[in-house]
Every structure is written in C-alpha cells, then in structure tokens.
Amino acid sequence: MSFALPRTAVPAHLLLTEGDLREGDVFVMERFPQHDGAESVLEMLNRPEGFFAFRPADGADALLVSKAHTVSVSTDRQAPIADPARLSAAKLLGVELVLAGGSTIGGWASVELPPQHSRLLDYLNASRDPFFAVWTHAATHYVNRTHVMYARPLD
C-alpha cells in the first residue's frame, strides 16, 4: 500500500539551462504543514528535494526535472504573497534580472524586510533558498538565484 499526499497541477512555463522554454504543469501539495492551504510553487521549489515533477503540455510523459538545471518556473497571475495583509505591507522594488544565457526578466520583488534593509541587494541576499520571486501583472517568475548573472534595480 502506498501513501501519497494529494497534489494540484499548476500551469507553468519552465526555462532550463539548455535554453528550452517548455509549457506544462508543475505539482504542489494541496495541504502544506507550515500554513493553512495549499503549498505555493515557490515553497515547492525551495523544498530540499533535488527534483520536481513536470508534465509537458504536449501530452508527453512526465519529467523529473533537476532544480539545479532549472533557471525559472513562471506561472500566470499567481501572486508571490497570497496573504493580502502581508502583500500590502511589503515594499515593491523594480528589478531587471539578466540570466545565464542572456535572457532577461523584469518586474517587481515584494520585499518583507525591515525598512533599513529593504534594498534590492538586501532582498537578493536575505534568503539561502535557491529560488526567489519576481512578478509582473501577467506572471510570477520563480528564479533560481544560481542562474542570475546580475540584477539591476529599476526604481
């Protein structure tokens, strides 16, 4: 008998180090032990496991993708901070990221740090987690910090 936690498919675009952009689904837990509700894509990517499941939109078999070779996972209109109170208290920083391979991502980072430590540099260095979020009105990009060549503040 096998026990598995229920998972929810989240439509996403996956950018790998080889430069391919793939469309499909990633999977998050329906219940997350650290808070009420479902796990976020960012929480899934920052779990210690080295791989995650990805089902390509073309109907091909599911892939077990290495997080180390994942440049970014992008989702449509999914706020990086779900709690409205936290989101309203966060400071927004404009940012442009230049990634290995030359692609760029521009958007905002929602910074939840003390005012004296709320620069873009502070946000990028505040966590040891491999992935962080940058969002636009159309998408949220979960970026692997090891594949960021440099970041430019847009304030």
Protein backbone atom coordinates (compact mmCIF):
# COMPACT_ATOMS: atom_id res chain seq x y z
CA MET A 1 0.00 0.00 0.00
CA SER A 2 1.34 3.44 -0.95
CA PHE A 3 0.55 6.73 0.75
CA ALA A 4 0.80 9.98 -1.18
CA LEU A 5 -0.34 13.49 -0.42
CA PRO A 6 -2.84 14.93 -2.91
CA ARG A 7 -1.21 17.25 -5.44
CA THR A 8 -2.60 20.08 -7.54
CA ALA A 9 -1.38 20.79 -11.08
CA VAL A 10 -0.31 24.39 -11.71
CA PRO A 11 0.16 25.53 -15.35
CA ALA A 12 3.70 26.82 -15.78
CA HIS A 13 6.47 27.70 -18.21
CA LEU A 14 9.78 26.02 -17.43
CA LEU A 15 13.10 27.53 -18.55
CA LEU A 16 16.04 25.12 -18.32
CA THR A 17 19.77 25.80 -18.54
CA GLU A 18 19.83 24.40 -22.08
CA GLY A 19 17.65 27.36 -23.08
CA ASP A 20 14.44 25.45 -23.84
CA LEU A 21 11.21 27.05 -22.68
CA ARG A 22 8.63 24.32 -22.02
CA GLU A 23 4.95 24.66 -21.25
CA GLY A 24 3.19 22.25 -18.91
CA ASP A 25 2.24 21.66 -15.28
CA VAL A 26 4.18 21.56 -12.01
CA PHE A 27 2.62 19.99 -8.91
CA VAL A 28 2.14 21.42 -5.42
CA MET A 29 0.78 19.76 -2.29
CA GLU A 30 -2.88 20.51 -1.57
CA ARG A 31 -2.03 20.85 2.12
CA PHE A 32 1.18 22.32 3.41
CA PRO A 33 2.30 21.67 7.02
CA GLN A 34 3.78 25.16 7.58
CA HIS A 35 0.49 27.04 6.96
CA ASP A 36 -3.18 26.66 6.09
CA GLY A 37 -3.96 25.96 2.46
CA ALA A 38 -2.00 24.69 -0.49
CA GLU A 39 1.73 24.83 -0.98
CA SER A 40 2.93 27.61 -3.31
CA VAL A 41 5.15 26.99 -6.33
CA LEU A 42 7.94 28.89 -4.55
CA GLU A 43 7.61 26.63 -1.48
CA MET A 44 7.72 23.53 -3.71
CA LEU A 45 10.85 24.76 -5.49
CA ASN A 46 12.56 25.59 -2.19
CA ARG A 47 11.93 22.17 -0.61
CA PRO A 48 15.22 20.26 -0.14
CA GLU A 49 14.47 17.59 -2.77
CA GLY A 50 16.64 17.95 -5.87
CA PHE A 51 13.92 17.16 -8.44
CA PHE A 52 10.29 18.04 -9.14
CA ALA A 53 7.64 16.59 -11.45
CA PHE A 54 6.73 18.42 -14.66
CA ARG A 55 4.07 17.25 -17.12
CA PRO A 56 4.63 18.76 -20.59
CA ALA A 57 1.57 20.32 -22.23
CA ASP A 58 2.15 18.29 -25.41
CA GLY A 59 0.99 15.14 -23.61
CA ALA A 60 4.45 13.59 -23.36
CA ASP A 61 5.36 11.57 -20.30
CA ALA A 62 6.03 13.45 -17.07
CA LEU A 63 9.61 14.55 -16.49
CA LEU A 64 11.52 14.62 -13.22
CA VAL A 65 13.34 17.93 -13.57
CA SER A 66 16.54 18.83 -11.75
CA LYS A 67 16.13 22.01 -9.72
CA ALA A 68 19.83 22.71 -10.27
CA HIS A 69 19.22 22.94 -14.05
CA THR A 70 16.01 24.97 -13.71
CA VAL A 71 16.57 28.66 -14.50
CA SER A 72 12.98 29.70 -13.80
CA VAL A 73 9.41 28.50 -13.45
CA SER A 74 6.77 31.05 -14.47
CA THR A 75 3.06 30.95 -13.67
CA ASP A 76 0.21 33.15 -14.88
CA ARG A 77 -1.13 35.77 -12.47
CA GLN A 78 -0.17 34.00 -9.26
CA ALA A 79 0.75 36.49 -6.54
CA PRO A 80 4.05 35.61 -4.84
CA ILE A 81 2.50 36.56 -1.48
CA ALA A 82 -1.04 35.18 -1.05
CA ASP A 83 -1.85 36.87 2.27
CA PRO A 84 -3.37 40.33 1.49
CA ALA A 85 -2.10 41.84 4.78
CA ARG A 86 1.47 40.72 4.08
CA LEU A 87 1.27 41.88 0.46
CA SER A 88 0.00 45.34 1.44
CA ALA A 89 2.84 45.72 3.99
CA ALA A 90 5.55 44.61 1.56
CA LYS A 91 7.68 47.17 -0.26
CA LEU A 92 7.80 46.82 -4.05
CA LEU A 93 11.17 47.01 -5.75
CA GLY A 94 11.52 47.22 -9.52
CA VAL A 95 14.11 44.79 -10.84
CA GLU A 96 15.61 43.55 -14.08
CA LEU A 97 17.43 40.21 -13.97
CA VAL A 98 19.91 39.12 -16.61
CA LEU A 99 20.11 35.34 -16.59
CA ALA A 100 22.79 32.94 -17.75
CA GLY A 101 22.26 32.53 -21.47
CA GLY A 102 21.32 36.20 -21.89
CA SER A 103 17.55 36.18 -21.27
CA THR A 104 16.07 38.87 -19.04
CA ILE A 105 13.17 39.08 -16.61
CA GLY A 106 11.80 42.40 -15.44
CA GLY A 107 9.21 43.04 -12.76
CA TRP A 108 8.80 43.66 -9.06
CA ALA A 109 10.05 41.96 -5.95
CA SER A 110 7.79 42.10 -2.88
CA VAL A 111 10.21 42.81 -0.05
CA GLU A 112 9.25 41.90 3.52
CA LEU A 113 12.29 43.22 5.35
CA PRO A 114 12.93 45.98 7.91
CA PRO A 115 12.90 49.43 6.23
CA GLN A 116 16.62 49.95 6.84
CA HIS A 117 17.33 46.68 4.97
CA SER A 118 14.88 46.81 2.08
CA ARG A 119 17.13 47.46 -0.91
CA LEU A 120 17.25 45.05 -3.86
CA LEU A 121 20.62 43.80 -2.63
CA ASP A 122 19.07 43.03 0.78
CA TYR A 123 16.19 41.13 -0.88
CA LEU A 124 18.53 39.06 -3.04
CA ASN A 125 20.78 38.21 -0.07
CA ALA A 126 18.07 37.78 2.60
CA SER A 127 17.50 34.09 2.00
CA ARG A 128 19.56 30.97 1.42
CA ASP A 129 16.65 29.44 -0.52
CA PRO A 130 17.62 28.65 -4.11
CA PHE A 131 14.53 30.29 -5.70
CA PHE A 132 13.00 33.75 -5.27
CA ALA A 133 10.03 35.51 -6.87
CA VAL A 134 9.78 38.38 -9.35
CA TRP A 135 6.33 39.26 -10.64
CA THR A 136 4.50 41.32 -13.23
CA HIS A 137 0.78 41.89 -13.70
CA ALA A 138 0.71 38.91 -16.08
CA ALA A 139 3.04 36.37 -14.43
CA THR A 140 5.14 35.40 -11.46
CA HIS A 141 8.67 34.16 -12.19
CA TYR A 142 10.34 31.88 -9.66
CA VAL A 143 14.02 32.33 -10.44
CA ASN A 144 16.94 30.11 -9.45
CA ARG A 145 19.47 32.55 -7.98
CA THR A 146 22.44 30.46 -9.20
CA HIS A 147 21.47 31.32 -12.80
CA VAL A 148 21.26 35.10 -12.28
CA MET A 149 24.23 36.85 -13.87
CA TYR A 150 23.27 40.21 -12.41
CA ALA A 151 20.30 42.25 -11.21
CA ARG A 152 19.57 45.90 -11.87
CA PRO A 153 17.24 48.00 -9.68
CA LEU A 154 14.55 49.82 -11.69
CA ASP A 155 13.42 52.32 -9.04
